Each structure stands twice: as C-alpha cells, then as structure tokens.
Amino acid sequence: MTPLLVAAGAMAGAPLRLLVTRLAARRGRDPALGTLAVNVAGSAVLGVLLGLGDAPAAVVALVGTGFCGTLTTFSTLGADVVRLVAGRAVGRALAYTAASAVLGLGAAAVGYAAGG
C-alpha cells in the first residue's frame, strides 16, 4: 500500500513543479525562480508534516515522500547553478544557492513550528 501512496502523492507533486517552473519561464523570468519557489513551498509543507509529530505513516508516505519528494528538486537546483555559472552569472548563482538554502531551511523551520 505504501508504494501506491507515494505514487499518488508524486502524481500531484511532479506536475505542480513542472507547472510552476514553466510559468516562471513563460513570464520571462529565469526558470530557477520556479525551482526556488517549489523548493521553499515543499520545505514548508514537509516541515508542517514533521512538526505534527504523530502523522500516520500513510500520510507521511502520501504527502511527505510522494508529494513533497517530487515537488522539490535538488537536482534541478544543481543544474540551475551550473547553467548560471556557465553563463558567467556567478554572482546570481551564489545568490540563488544561498537563497535556496536559507529560504528552504527557514520555510521548513516555520512549517515545523506551525505543525507543532
């Protein structure tokens, strides 16, 4: 049952990530902003879930592993940084990396506090 719950959560998280990054690109913005947005949002949602402390295993599988696991993306963050550096936008790459870490951890902490 757990793999099915993970898959069900993933069926929502992955398309939402794609939608947000494509919307950022369509509006003339760097797709990295979409990646930043989904990573921060996913960190907040996972923080709330973990802050609850006693969430049923099925909910953790569906929302935590499935939804948040596919909504957020470390690999795309890495690819975005490489792309920025290759384009000689090293300052933007550093700012993006720092913002991702600070905002992601901050969102997780706020979510955790809200869940508890």
PDB file of N, CA and C in Angstrom:
ATOM      1  N   MET A   1       0.810  -1.196   0.000  1.00  0.00           N
ATOM      2  CA  MET A   1       0.000   0.000   0.000  1.00  0.00           C
ATOM      3  C   MET A   1       0.860   1.270   0.000  1.00  0.00           C
ATOM      4  N   THR A   2       1.972   1.233   0.743  1.00  0.00           N
ATOM      5  CA  THR A   2       2.821   2.420   0.828  1.00  0.00           C
ATOM      6  C   THR A   2       3.338   2.869  -0.535  1.00  0.00           C
ATOM      7  N   PRO A   3       3.837   1.983  -1.394  1.00  0.00           N
ATOM      8  CA  PRO A   3       4.286   2.448  -2.712  1.00  0.00           C
ATOM      9  C   PRO A   3       3.173   3.127  -3.509  1.00  0.00           C
ATOM     10  N   LEU A   4       1.952   2.661  -3.362  1.00  0.00           N
ATOM     11  CA  LEU A   4       0.834   3.294  -4.070  1.00  0.00           C
ATOM     12  C   LEU A   4       0.558   4.690  -3.527  1.00  0.00           C
ATOM     13  N   LEU A   5       0.691   4.876  -2.225  1.00  0.00           N
ATOM     14  CA  LEU A   5       0.501   6.202  -1.634  1.00  0.00           C
ATOM     15  C   LEU A   5       1.592   7.161  -2.100  1.00  0.00           C
ATOM     16  N   VAL A   6       2.826   6.676  -2.140  1.00  0.00           N
ATOM     17  CA  VAL A   6       3.935   7.503  -2.636  1.00  0.00           C
ATOM     18  C   VAL A   6       3.670   7.897  -4.088  1.00  0.00           C
ATOM     19  N   ALA A   7       3.251   6.938  -4.896  1.00  0.00           N
ATOM     20  CA  ALA A   7       2.962   7.217  -6.309  1.00  0.00           C
ATOM     21  C   ALA A   7       1.820   8.215  -6.455  1.00  0.00           C
ATOM     22  N   ALA A   8       0.800   8.089  -5.627  1.00  0.00           N
ATOM     23  CA  ALA A   8      -0.330   9.022  -5.695  1.00  0.00           C
ATOM     24  C   ALA A   8       0.118  10.439  -5.349  1.00  0.00           C
ATOM     25  N   GLY A   9       0.940  10.580  -4.325  1.00  0.00           N
ATOM     26  CA  GLY A   9       1.462  11.901  -3.976  1.00  0.00           C
ATOM     27  C   GLY A   9       2.344  12.465  -5.074  1.00  0.00           C
ATOM     28  N   ALA A  10       3.139  11.592  -5.675  1.00  0.00           N
ATOM     29  CA  ALA A  10       4.031  12.012  -6.758  1.00  0.00           C
ATOM     30  C   ALA A  10       3.250  12.494  -7.970  1.00  0.00           C
ATOM     31  N   MET A  11       2.081  11.914  -8.184  1.00  0.00           N
ATOM     32  CA  MET A  11       1.258  12.313  -9.335  1.00  0.00           C
ATOM     33  C   MET A  11       0.761  13.747  -9.203  1.00  0.00           C
ATOM     34  N   ALA A  12       0.780  14.285  -8.009  1.00  0.00           N
ATOM     35  CA  ALA A  12       0.415  15.691  -7.810  1.00  0.00           C
ATOM     36  C   ALA A  12       1.654  16.576  -7.741  1.00  0.00           C
ATOM     37  N   GLY A  13       2.692  16.133  -7.049  1.00  0.00           N
ATOM     38  CA  GLY A  13       3.879  16.958  -6.838  1.00  0.00           C
ATOM     39  C   GLY A  13       4.679  17.243  -8.093  1.00  0.00           C
ATOM     40  N   ALA A  14       4.940  16.235  -8.887  1.00  0.00           N
ATOM     41  CA  ALA A  14       5.770  16.419 -10.088  1.00  0.00           C
ATOM     42  C   ALA A  14       5.122  17.346 -11.118  1.00  0.00           C
ATOM     43  N   PRO A  15       3.834  17.163 -11.441  1.00  0.00           N
ATOM     44  CA  PRO A  15       3.223  18.085 -12.401  1.00  0.00           C
ATOM     45  C   PRO A  15       3.139  19.522 -11.879  1.00  0.00           C
ATOM     46  N   LEU A  16       2.947  19.667 -10.565  1.00  0.00           N
ATOM     47  CA  LEU A  16       2.904  21.015  -9.999  1.00  0.00           C
ATOM     48  C   LEU A  16       4.257  21.698 -10.152  1.00  0.00           C
ATOM     49  N   ARG A  17       5.331  20.955  -9.920  1.00  0.00           N
ATOM     50  CA  ARG A  17       6.675  21.520 -10.111  1.00  0.00           C
ATOM     51  C   ARG A  17       6.866  21.949 -11.555  1.00  0.00           C
ATOM     52  N   LEU A  18       6.481  21.101 -12.479  1.00  0.00           N
ATOM     53  CA  LEU A  18       6.600  21.425 -13.898  1.00  0.00           C
ATOM     54  C   LEU A  18       5.802  22.683 -14.238  1.00  0.00           C
ATOM     55  N   LEU A  19       4.595  22.770 -13.733  1.00  0.00           N
ATOM     56  CA  LEU A  19       3.737  23.927 -13.996  1.00  0.00           C
ATOM     57  C   LEU A  19       4.367  25.215 -13.481  1.00  0.00           C
ATOM     58  N   VAL A  20       4.857  25.196 -12.255  1.00  0.00           N
ATOM     59  CA  VAL A  20       5.439  26.404 -11.661  1.00  0.00           C
ATOM     60  C   VAL A  20       6.692  26.837 -12.414  1.00  0.00           C
ATOM     61  N   THR A  21       7.570  25.907 -12.763  1.00  0.00           N
ATOM     62  CA  THR A  21       8.790  26.297 -13.478  1.00  0.00           C
ATOM     63  C   THR A  21       8.473  26.791 -14.890  1.00  0.00           C
ATOM     64  N   ARG A  22       7.484  26.192 -15.529  1.00  0.00           N
ATOM     65  CA  ARG A  22       7.095  26.670 -16.869  1.00  0.00           C
ATOM     66  C   ARG A  22       6.438  28.042 -16.805  1.00  0.00           C
ATOM     67  N   LEU A  23       5.637  28.280 -15.779  1.00  0.00           N
ATOM     68  CA  LEU A  23       5.024  29.603 -15.626  1.00  0.00           C
ATOM     69  C   LEU A  23       6.090  30.669 -15.426  1.00  0.00           C
ATOM     70  N   ALA A  24       7.105  30.359 -14.645  1.00  0.00           N
ATOM     71  CA  ALA A  24       8.195  31.313 -14.440  1.00  0.00           C
ATOM     72  C   ALA A  24       8.880  31.620 -15.765  1.00  0.00           C
ATOM     73  N   ALA A  25       9.140  30.604 -16.561  1.00  0.00           N
ATOM     74  CA  ALA A  25       9.810  30.796 -17.851  1.00  0.00           C
ATOM     75  C   ALA A  25       8.930  31.574 -18.822  1.00  0.00           C
ATOM     76  N   ARG A  26       7.633  31.292 -18.833  1.00  0.00           N
ATOM     77  CA  ARG A  26       6.718  31.987 -19.750  1.00  0.00           C
ATOM     78  C   ARG A  26       6.614  33.471 -19.452  1.00  0.00           C
ATOM     79  N   ARG A  27       6.767  33.801 -18.205  1.00  0.00           N
ATOM     80  CA  ARG A  27       6.650  35.211 -17.821  1.00  0.00           C
ATOM     81  C   ARG A  27       7.971  35.945 -17.976  1.00  0.00           C
ATOM     82  N   GLY A  28       8.900  35.324 -18.674  1.00  0.00           N
ATOM     83  CA  GLY A  28      10.178  35.968 -18.938  1.00  0.00           C
ATOM     84  C   GLY A  28      11.134  35.921 -17.763  1.00  0.00           C
ATOM     85  N   ARG A  29      10.816  35.120 -16.789  1.00  0.00           N
ATOM     86  CA  ARG A  29      11.672  35.008 -15.618  1.00  0.00           C
ATOM     87  C   ARG A  29      12.580  33.784 -15.762  1.00  0.00           C
ATOM     88  N   ASP A  30      13.635  33.810 -15.020  1.00  0.00           N
ATOM     89  CA  ASP A  30      14.540  32.664 -15.004  1.00  0.00           C
ATOM     90  C   ASP A  30      13.796  31.474 -14.402  1.00  0.00           C
ATOM     91  N   PRO A  31      13.813  30.321 -15.062  1.00  0.00           N
ATOM     92  CA  PRO A  31      13.144  29.139 -14.503  1.00  0.00           C
ATOM     93  C   PRO A  31      13.653  28.772 -13.108  1.00  0.00           C
ATOM     94  N   ALA A  32      14.851  29.232 -12.772  1.00  0.00           N
ATOM     95  CA  ALA A  32      15.387  28.970 -11.436  1.00  0.00           C
ATOM     96  C   ALA A  32      14.482  29.552 -10.356  1.00  0.00           C
ATOM     97  N   LEU A  33      13.765  30.626 -10.666  1.00  0.00           N
ATOM     98  CA  LEU A  33      12.833  31.191  -9.683  1.00  0.00           C
ATOM     99  C   LEU A  33      11.689  30.228  -9.407  1.00  0.00           C
ATOM    100  N   GLY A  34      11.255  29.512 -10.421  1.00  0.00           N
ATOM    101  CA  GLY A  34      10.232  28.491 -10.216  1.00  0.00           C
ATOM    102  C   GLY A  34      10.756  27.359  -9.351  1.00  0.00           C
ATOM    103  N   THR A  35      11.995  26.960  -9.600  1.00  0.00           N
ATOM    104  CA  THR A  35      12.613  25.911  -8.787  1.00  0.00           C
ATOM    105  C   THR A  35      12.728  26.367  -7.340  1.00  0.00           C
ATOM    106  N   LEU A  36      13.148  27.602  -7.144  1.00  0.00           N
ATOM    107  CA  LEU A  36      13.243  28.154  -5.790  1.00  0.00           C
ATOM    108  C   LEU A  36      11.877  28.139  -5.110  1.00  0.00           C
ATOM    109  N   ALA A  37      10.851  28.542  -5.827  1.00  0.00           N
ATOM    110  CA  ALA A  37       9.502  28.596  -5.252  1.00  0.00           C
ATOM    111  C   ALA A  37       9.014  27.221  -4.814  1.00  0.00           C
ATOM    112  N   VAL A  38       9.178  26.212  -5.662  1.00  0.00           N
ATOM    113  CA  VAL A  38       8.686  24.877  -5.284  1.00  0.00           C
ATOM    114  C   VAL A  38       9.527  24.269  -4.167  1.00  0.00           C
ATOM    115  N   ASN A  39      10.819  24.551  -4.155  1.00  0.00           N
ATOM    116  CA  ASN A  39      11.653  24.016  -3.084  1.00  0.00           C
ATOM    117  C   ASN A  39      11.289  24.630  -1.735  1.00  0.00           C
ATOM    118  N   VAL A  40      11.022  25.922  -1.716  1.00  0.00           N
ATOM    119  CA  VAL A  40      10.634  26.584  -0.466  1.00  0.00           C
ATOM    120  C   VAL A  40       9.251  26.106  -0.024  1.00  0.00           C
ATOM    121  N   ALA A  41       8.315  26.039  -0.952  1.00  0.00           N
ATOM    122  CA  ALA A  41       6.964  25.576  -0.606  1.00  0.00           C
ATOM    123  C   ALA A  41       6.985  24.135  -0.104  1.00  0.00           C
ATOM    124  N   GLY A  42       7.714  23.279  -0.789  1.00  0.00           N
ATOM    125  CA  GLY A  42       7.808  21.881  -0.367  1.00  0.00           C
ATOM    126  C   GLY A  42       8.470  21.732   0.989  1.00  0.00           C
ATOM    127  N   SER A  43       9.462  22.559   1.267  1.00  0.00           N
ATOM    128  CA  SER A  43      10.116  22.534   2.576  1.00  0.00           C
ATOM    129  C   SER A  43       9.142  22.930   3.675  1.00  0.00           C
ATOM    130  N   ALA A  44       8.309  23.917   3.393  1.00  0.00           N
ATOM    131  CA  ALA A  44       7.315  24.349   4.379  1.00  0.00           C
ATOM    132  C   ALA A  44       6.290  23.251   4.642  1.00  0.00           C
ATOM    133  N   VAL A  45       5.790  22.640   3.587  1.00  0.00           N
ATOM    134  CA  VAL A  45       4.793  21.569   3.742  1.00  0.00           C
ATOM    135  C   VAL A  45       5.389  20.397   4.517  1.00  0.00           C
ATOM    136  N   LEU A  46       6.607  20.002   4.170  1.00  0.00           N
ATOM    137  CA  LEU A  46       7.240  18.893   4.876  1.00  0.00           C
ATOM    138  C   LEU A  46       7.510  19.268   6.330  1.00  0.00           C
ATOM    139  N   GLY A  47       7.881  20.522   6.571  1.00  0.00           N
ATOM    140  CA  GLY A  47       8.080  20.982   7.945  1.00  0.00           C
ATOM    141  C   GLY A  47       6.813  20.852   8.774  1.00  0.00           C
ATOM    142  N   VAL A  48       5.674  21.258   8.210  1.00  0.00           N
ATOM    143  CA  VAL A  48       4.395  21.121   8.915  1.00  0.00           C
ATOM    144  C   VAL A  48       4.130  19.654   9.223  1.00  0.00           C
ATOM    145  N   LEU A  49       4.299  18.818   8.226  1.00  0.00           N
ATOM    146  CA  LEU A  49       4.036  17.386   8.399  1.00  0.00           C
ATOM    147  C   LEU A  49       4.903  16.794   9.513  1.00  0.00           C
ATOM    148  N   LEU A  50       6.179  17.122   9.512  1.00  0.00           N
ATOM    149  CA  LEU A  50       7.076  16.601  10.541  1.00  0.00           C
ATOM    150  C   LEU A  50       6.799  17.236  11.898  1.00  0.00           C
ATOM    151  N   GLY A  51       6.382  18.494  11.887  1.00  0.00           N
ATOM    152  CA  GLY A  51       6.046  19.172  13.132  1.00  0.00           C
ATOM    153  C   GLY A  51       4.850  18.561  13.840  1.00  0.00           C
ATOM    154  N   LEU A  52       3.971  17.943  13.084  1.00  0.00           N
ATOM    155  CA  LEU A  52       2.813  17.282  13.687  1.00  0.00           C
ATOM    156  C   LEU A  52       3.259  16.149  14.607  1.00  0.00           C
ATOM    157  N   GLY A  53       4.374  15.535  14.273  1.00  0.00           N
ATOM    158  CA  GLY A  53       4.965  14.520  15.124  1.00  0.00           C
ATOM    159  C   GLY A  53       4.320  13.157  15.072  1.00  0.00           C
ATOM    160  N   ASP A  54       3.027  13.104  15.003  1.00  0.00           N
ATOM    161  CA  ASP A  54       2.343  11.812  15.054  1.00  0.00           C
ATOM    162  C   ASP A  54       1.481  11.573  13.821  1.00  0.00           C
ATOM    163  N   ALA A  55       1.917  12.118  12.711  1.00  0.00           N
ATOM    164  CA  ALA A  55       1.167  11.905  11.469  1.00  0.00           C
ATOM    165  C   ALA A  55       1.200  10.421  11.120  1.00  0.00           C
ATOM    166  N   PRO A  56       0.085   9.885  10.684  1.00  0.00           N
ATOM    167  CA  PRO A  56       0.061   8.470  10.296  1.00  0.00           C
ATOM    168  C   PRO A  56       1.060   8.184   9.171  1.00  0.00           C
ATOM    169  N   ALA A  57       1.588   6.981   9.184  1.00  0.00           N
ATOM    170  CA  ALA A  57       2.577   6.580   8.176  1.00  0.00           C
ATOM    171  C   ALA A  57       2.039   6.754   6.762  1.00  0.00           C
ATOM    172  N   ALA A  58       0.756   6.530   6.575  1.00  0.00           N
ATOM    173  CA  ALA A  58       0.163   6.680   5.243  1.00  0.00           C
ATOM    174  C   ALA A  58       0.217   8.134   4.785  1.00  0.00           C
ATOM    175  N   VAL A  59      -0.003   9.065   5.703  1.00  0.00           N
ATOM    176  CA  VAL A  59       0.044  10.494   5.359  1.00  0.00           C
ATOM    177  C   VAL A  59       1.477  10.907   5.043  1.00  0.00           C
ATOM    178  N   VAL A  60       2.424  10.401   5.824  1.00  0.00           N
ATOM    179  CA  VAL A  60       3.839  10.702   5.562  1.00  0.00           C
ATOM    180  C   VAL A  60       4.236  10.180   4.183  1.00  0.00           C
ATOM    181  N   ALA A  61       3.789   8.985   3.839  1.00  0.00           N
ATOM    182  CA  ALA A  61       4.107   8.416   2.522  1.00  0.00           C
ATOM    183  C   ALA A  61       3.482   9.240   1.402  1.00  0.00           C
ATOM    184  N   LEU A  62       2.213   9.586   1.544  1.00  0.00           N
ATOM    185  CA  LEU A  62       1.486  10.325   0.511  1.00  0.00           C
ATOM    186  C   LEU A  62       2.007  11.749   0.356  1.00  0.00           C
ATOM    187  N   VAL A  63       2.042  12.478   1.455  1.00  0.00           N
ATOM    188  CA  VAL A  63       2.386  13.902   1.405  1.00  0.00           C
ATOM    189  C   VAL A  63       3.896  14.132   1.481  1.00  0.00           C
ATOM    190  N   GLY A  64       4.551  13.482   2.436  1.00  0.00           N
ATOM    191  CA  GLY A  64       5.982  13.719   2.631  1.00  0.00           C
ATOM    192  C   GLY A  64       6.841  13.160   1.514  1.00  0.00           C
ATOM    193  N   THR A  65       6.772  11.857   1.347  1.00  0.00           N
ATOM    194  CA  THR A  65       7.620  11.213   0.345  1.00  0.00           C
ATOM    195  C   THR A  65       7.107  11.440  -1.070  1.00  0.00           C
ATOM    196  N   GLY A  66       5.827  11.233  -1.284  1.00  0.00           N
ATOM    197  CA  GLY A  66       5.264  11.344  -2.627  1.00  0.00           C
ATOM    198  C   GLY A  66       5.168  12.771  -3.127  1.00  0.00           C
ATOM    199  N   PHE A  67       4.345  13.583  -2.453  1.00  0.00           N
ATOM    200  CA  PHE A  67       4.101  14.946  -2.922  1.00  0.00           C
ATOM    201  C   PHE A  67       5.335  15.834  -2.771  1.00  0.00           C
ATOM    202  N   CYS A  68       5.833  15.967  -1.532  1.00  0.00           N
ATOM    203  CA  CYS A  68       6.976  16.863  -1.306  1.00  0.00           C
ATOM    204  C   CYS A  68       8.240  16.363  -1.995  1.00  0.00           C
ATOM    205  N   GLY A  69       8.399  15.045  -2.032  1.00  0.00           N
ATOM    206  CA  GLY A  69       9.591  14.483  -2.667  1.00  0.00           C
ATOM    207  C   GLY A  69       9.680  14.770  -4.150  1.00  0.00           C
ATOM    208  N   THR A  70       8.539  14.872  -4.810  1.00  0.00           N
ATOM    209  CA  THR A  70       8.568  15.163  -6.250  1.00  0.00           C
ATOM    210  C   THR A  70       8.337  16.636  -6.552  1.00  0.00           C
ATOM    211  N   LEU A  71       7.748  17.361  -5.607  1.00  0.00           N
ATOM    212  CA  LEU A  71       7.588  18.804  -5.797  1.00  0.00           C
ATOM    213  C   LEU A  71       8.948  19.485  -5.714  1.00  0.00           C
ATOM    214  N   THR A  72       9.730  19.100  -4.732  1.00  0.00           N
ATOM    215  CA  THR A  72      11.047  19.712  -4.538  1.00  0.00           C
ATOM    216  C   THR A  72      12.084  18.993  -5.396  1.00  0.00           C
ATOM    217  N   THR A  73      13.183  19.693  -5.667  1.00  0.00           N
ATOM    218  CA  THR A  73      14.173  19.098  -6.563  1.00  0.00           C
ATOM    219  C   THR A  73      15.564  19.672  -6.331  1.00  0.00           C
ATOM    220  N   PHE A  74      16.427  18.864  -5.764  1.00  0.00           N
ATOM    221  CA  PHE A  74      17.811  19.280  -5.574  1.00  0.00           C
ATOM    222  C   PHE A  74      18.587  19.199  -6.882  1.00  0.00           C
ATOM    223  N   SER A  75      18.255  18.230  -7.702  1.00  0.00           N
ATOM    224  CA  SER A  75      18.986  18.058  -8.962  1.00  0.00           C
ATOM    225  C   SER A  75      18.773  19.244  -9.903  1.00  0.00           C
ATOM    226  N   THR A  76      17.555  19.763  -9.956  1.00  0.00           N
ATOM    227  CA  THR A  76      17.307  20.925 -10.815  1.00  0.00           C
ATOM    228  C   THR A  76      17.987  22.159 -10.253  1.00  0.00           C
ATOM    229  N   LEU A  77      18.013  22.288  -8.937  1.00  0.00           N
ATOM    230  CA  LEU A  77      18.744  23.392  -8.321  1.00  0.00           C
ATOM    231  C   LEU A  77      20.208  23.334  -8.759  1.00  0.00           C
ATOM    232  N   GLY A  78      20.802  22.151  -8.687  1.00  0.00           N
ATOM    233  CA  GLY A  78      22.192  21.992  -9.117  1.00  0.00           C
ATOM    234  C   GLY A  78      22.390  22.335 -10.581  1.00  0.00           C
ATOM    235  N   ALA A  79      21.484  21.881 -11.421  1.00  0.00           N
ATOM    236  CA  ALA A  79      21.576  22.180 -12.853  1.00  0.00           C
ATOM    237  C   ALA A  79      21.420  23.675 -13.111  1.00  0.00           C
ATOM    238  N   ASP A  80      20.531  24.319 -12.358  1.00  0.00           N
ATOM    239  CA  ASP A  80      20.351  25.772 -12.498  1.00  0.00           C
ATOM    240  C   ASP A  80      21.641  26.512 -12.150  1.00  0.00           C
ATOM    241  N   VAL A  81      22.287  26.089 -11.075  1.00  0.00           N
ATOM    242  CA  VAL A  81      23.538  26.732 -10.659  1.00  0.00           C
ATOM    243  C   VAL A  81      24.612  26.540 -11.726  1.00  0.00           C
ATOM    244  N   VAL A  82      24.738  25.338 -12.253  1.00  0.00           N
ATOM    245  CA  VAL A  82      25.722  25.072 -13.310  1.00  0.00           C
ATOM    246  C   VAL A  82      25.432  25.943 -14.530  1.00  0.00           C
ATOM    247  N   ARG A  83      24.155  26.049 -14.903  1.00  0.00           N
ATOM    248  CA  ARG A  83      23.766  26.869 -16.060  1.00  0.00           C
ATOM    249  C   ARG A  83      24.126  28.338 -15.826  1.00  0.00           C
ATOM    250  N   LEU A  84      23.864  28.840 -14.628  1.00  0.00           N
ATOM    251  CA  LEU A  84      24.188  30.238 -14.329  1.00  0.00           C
ATOM    252  C   LEU A  84      25.698  30.475 -14.367  1.00  0.00           C
ATOM    253  N   VAL A  85      26.456  29.561 -13.785  1.00  0.00           N
ATOM    254  CA  VAL A  85      27.916  29.704 -13.793  1.00  0.00           C
ATOM    255  C   VAL A  85      28.448  29.622 -15.222  1.00  0.00           C
ATOM    256  N   ALA A  86      27.929  28.696 -16.012  1.00  0.00           N
ATOM    257  CA  ALA A  86      28.363  28.567 -17.405  1.00  0.00           C
ATOM    258  C   ALA A  86      28.049  29.831 -18.197  1.00  0.00           C
ATOM    259  N   GLY A  87      26.980  30.510 -17.826  1.00  0.00           N
ATOM    260  CA  GLY A  87      26.621  31.770 -18.469  1.00  0.00           C
ATOM    261  C   GLY A  87      27.313  32.973 -17.853  1.00  0.00           C
ATOM    262  N   ARG A  88      28.285  32.708 -17.011  1.00  0.00           N
ATOM    263  CA  ARG A  88      29.094  33.732 -16.349  1.00  0.00           C
ATOM    264  C   ARG A  88      28.297  34.615 -15.402  1.00  0.00           C
ATOM    265  N   ALA A  89      27.210  34.070 -14.879  1.00  0.00           N
ATOM    266  CA  ALA A  89      26.407  34.778 -13.882  1.00  0.00           C
ATOM    267  C   ALA A  89      26.722  34.183 -12.507  1.00  0.00           C
ATOM    268  N   VAL A  90      27.998  34.261 -12.140  1.00  0.00           N
ATOM    269  CA  VAL A  90      28.461  33.628 -10.910  1.00  0.00           C
ATOM    270  C   VAL A  90      27.805  34.265  -9.687  1.00  0.00           C
ATOM    271  N   GLY A  91      27.664  35.567  -9.691  1.00  0.00           N
ATOM    272  CA  GLY A  91      27.011  36.247  -8.570  1.00  0.00           C
ATOM    273  C   GLY A  91      25.577  35.778  -8.384  1.00  0.00           C
ATOM    274  N   ARG A  92      24.861  35.657  -9.500  1.00  0.00           N
ATOM    275  CA  ARG A  92      23.480  35.159  -9.424  1.00  0.00           C
ATOM    276  C   ARG A  92      23.444  33.715  -8.954  1.00  0.00           C
ATOM    277  N   ALA A  93      24.414  32.926  -9.393  1.00  0.00           N
ATOM    278  CA  ALA A  93      24.478  31.524  -8.969  1.00  0.00           C
ATOM    279  C   ALA A  93      24.694  31.427  -7.462  1.00  0.00           C
ATOM    280  N   LEU A  94      25.587  32.245  -6.942  1.00  0.00           N
ATOM    281  CA  LEU A  94      25.833  32.244  -5.499  1.00  0.00           C
ATOM    282  C   LEU A  94      24.612  32.732  -4.729  1.00  0.00           C
ATOM    283  N   ALA A  95      23.973  33.782  -5.224  1.00  0.00           N
ATOM    284  CA  ALA A  95      22.774  34.304  -4.554  1.00  0.00           C
ATOM    285  C   ALA A  95      21.650  33.279  -4.570  1.00  0.00           C
ATOM    286  N   TYR A  96      21.489  32.602  -5.688  1.00  0.00           N
ATOM    287  CA  TYR A  96      20.455  31.578  -5.829  1.00  0.00           C
ATOM    288  C   TYR A  96      20.708  30.414  -4.877  1.00  0.00           C
ATOM    289  N   THR A  97      21.957  29.991  -4.784  1.00  0.00           N
ATOM    290  CA  THR A  97      22.314  28.898  -3.883  1.00  0.00           C
ATOM    291  C   THR A  97      22.050  29.291  -2.434  1.00  0.00           C
ATOM    292  N   ALA A  98      22.483  30.489  -2.063  1.00  0.00           N
ATOM    293  CA  ALA A  98      22.269  30.958  -0.691  1.00  0.00           C
ATOM    294  C   ALA A  98      20.785  31.123  -0.387  1.00  0.00           C
ATOM    295  N   ALA A  99      20.048  31.714  -1.315  1.00  0.00           N
ATOM    296  CA  ALA A  99      18.611  31.905  -1.106  1.00  0.00           C
ATOM    297  C   ALA A  99      17.898  30.569  -0.972  1.00  0.00           C
ATOM    298  N   SER A 100      18.294  29.600  -1.769  1.00  0.00           N
ATOM    299  CA  SER A 100      17.677  28.274  -1.696  1.00  0.00           C
ATOM    300  C   SER A 100      17.889  27.647  -0.327  1.00  0.00           C
ATOM    301  N   ALA A 101      19.107  27.739   0.175  1.00  0.00           N
ATOM    302  CA  ALA A 101      19.409  27.145   1.481  1.00  0.00           C
ATOM    303  C   ALA A 101      18.702  27.890   2.607  1.00  0.00           C
ATOM    304  N   VAL A 102      18.838  29.202   2.627  1.00  0.00           N
ATOM    305  CA  VAL A 102      18.265  29.995   3.724  1.00  0.00           C
ATOM    306  C   VAL A 102      16.741  29.948   3.710  1.00  0.00           C
ATOM    307  N   LEU A 103      16.145  30.172   2.552  1.00  0.00           N
ATOM    308  CA  LEU A 103      14.681  30.171   2.478  1.00  0.00           C
ATOM    309  C   LEU A 103      14.102  28.775   2.677  1.00  0.00           C
ATOM    310  N   GLY A 104      14.764  27.758   2.132  1.00  0.00           N
ATOM    311  CA  GLY A 104      14.283  26.387   2.310  1.00  0.00           C
ATOM    312  C   GLY A 104      14.329  25.952   3.763  1.00  0.00           C
ATOM    313  N   LEU A 105      15.458  26.196   4.418  1.00  0.00           N
ATOM    314  CA  LEU A 105      15.569  25.840   5.835  1.00  0.00           C
ATOM    315  C   LEU A 105      14.627  26.681   6.688  1.00  0.00           C
ATOM    316  N   GLY A 106      14.514  27.954   6.355  1.00  0.00           N
ATOM    317  CA  GLY A 106      13.586  28.818   7.095  1.00  0.00           C
ATOM    318  C   GLY A 106      12.149  28.365   6.947  1.00  0.00           C
ATOM    319  N   ALA A 107      11.763  28.009   5.737  1.00  0.00           N
ATOM    320  CA  ALA A 107      10.394  27.539   5.496  1.00  0.00           C
ATOM    321  C   ALA A 107      10.129  26.235   6.240  1.00  0.00           C
ATOM    322  N   ALA A 108      11.111  25.349   6.257  1.00  0.00           N
ATOM    323  CA  ALA A 108      10.955  24.087   6.991  1.00  0.00           C
ATOM    324  C   ALA A 108      10.808  24.350   8.486  1.00  0.00           C
ATOM    325  N   ALA A 109      11.594  25.278   9.011  1.00  0.00           N
ATOM    326  CA  ALA A 109      11.521  25.599  10.438  1.00  0.00           C
ATOM    327  C   ALA A 109      10.181  26.233  10.801  1.00  0.00           C
ATOM    328  N   VAL A 110       9.720  27.162   9.978  1.00  0.00           N
ATOM    329  CA  VAL A 110       8.416  27.793  10.226  1.00  0.00           C
ATOM    330  C   VAL A 110       7.308  26.752  10.124  1.00  0.00           C
ATOM    331  N   GLY A 111       7.381  25.898   9.115  1.00  0.00           N
ATOM    332  CA  GLY A 111       6.395  24.834   8.970  1.00  0.00           C
ATOM    333  C   GLY A 111       6.403  23.887  10.154  1.00  0.00           C
ATOM    334  N   TYR A 112       7.592  23.535  10.615  1.00  0.00           N
ATOM    335  CA  TYR A 112       7.720  22.633  11.761  1.00  0.00           C
ATOM    336  C   TYR A 112       7.076  23.250  13.000  1.00  0.00           C
ATOM    337  N   ALA A 113       7.356  24.534  13.217  1.00  0.00           N
ATOM    338  CA  ALA A 113       6.766  25.229  14.369  1.00  0.00           C
ATOM    339  C   ALA A 113       5.247  25.299  14.238  1.00  0.00           C
ATOM    340  N   ALA A 114       4.771  25.549  13.038  1.00  0.00           N
ATOM    341  CA  ALA A 114       3.321  25.630  12.812  1.00  0.00           C
ATOM    342  C   ALA A 114       2.657  24.270  13.014  1.00  0.00           C
ATOM    343  N   GLY A 115       3.351  23.213  12.653  1.00  0.00           N
ATOM    344  CA  GLY A 115       2.796  21.869  12.804  1.00  0.00           C
ATOM    345  C   GLY A 115       2.767  21.393  14.240  1.00  0.00           C
ATOM    346  N   GLY A 116       3.674  21.953  15.050  1.00  0.00           N
ATOM    347  CA  GLY A 116       3.779  21.506  16.440  1.00  0.00           C
ATOM    348  C   GLY A 116       2.910  22.290  17.304  1.00  0.00           C
TER     349      GLY A 116
END
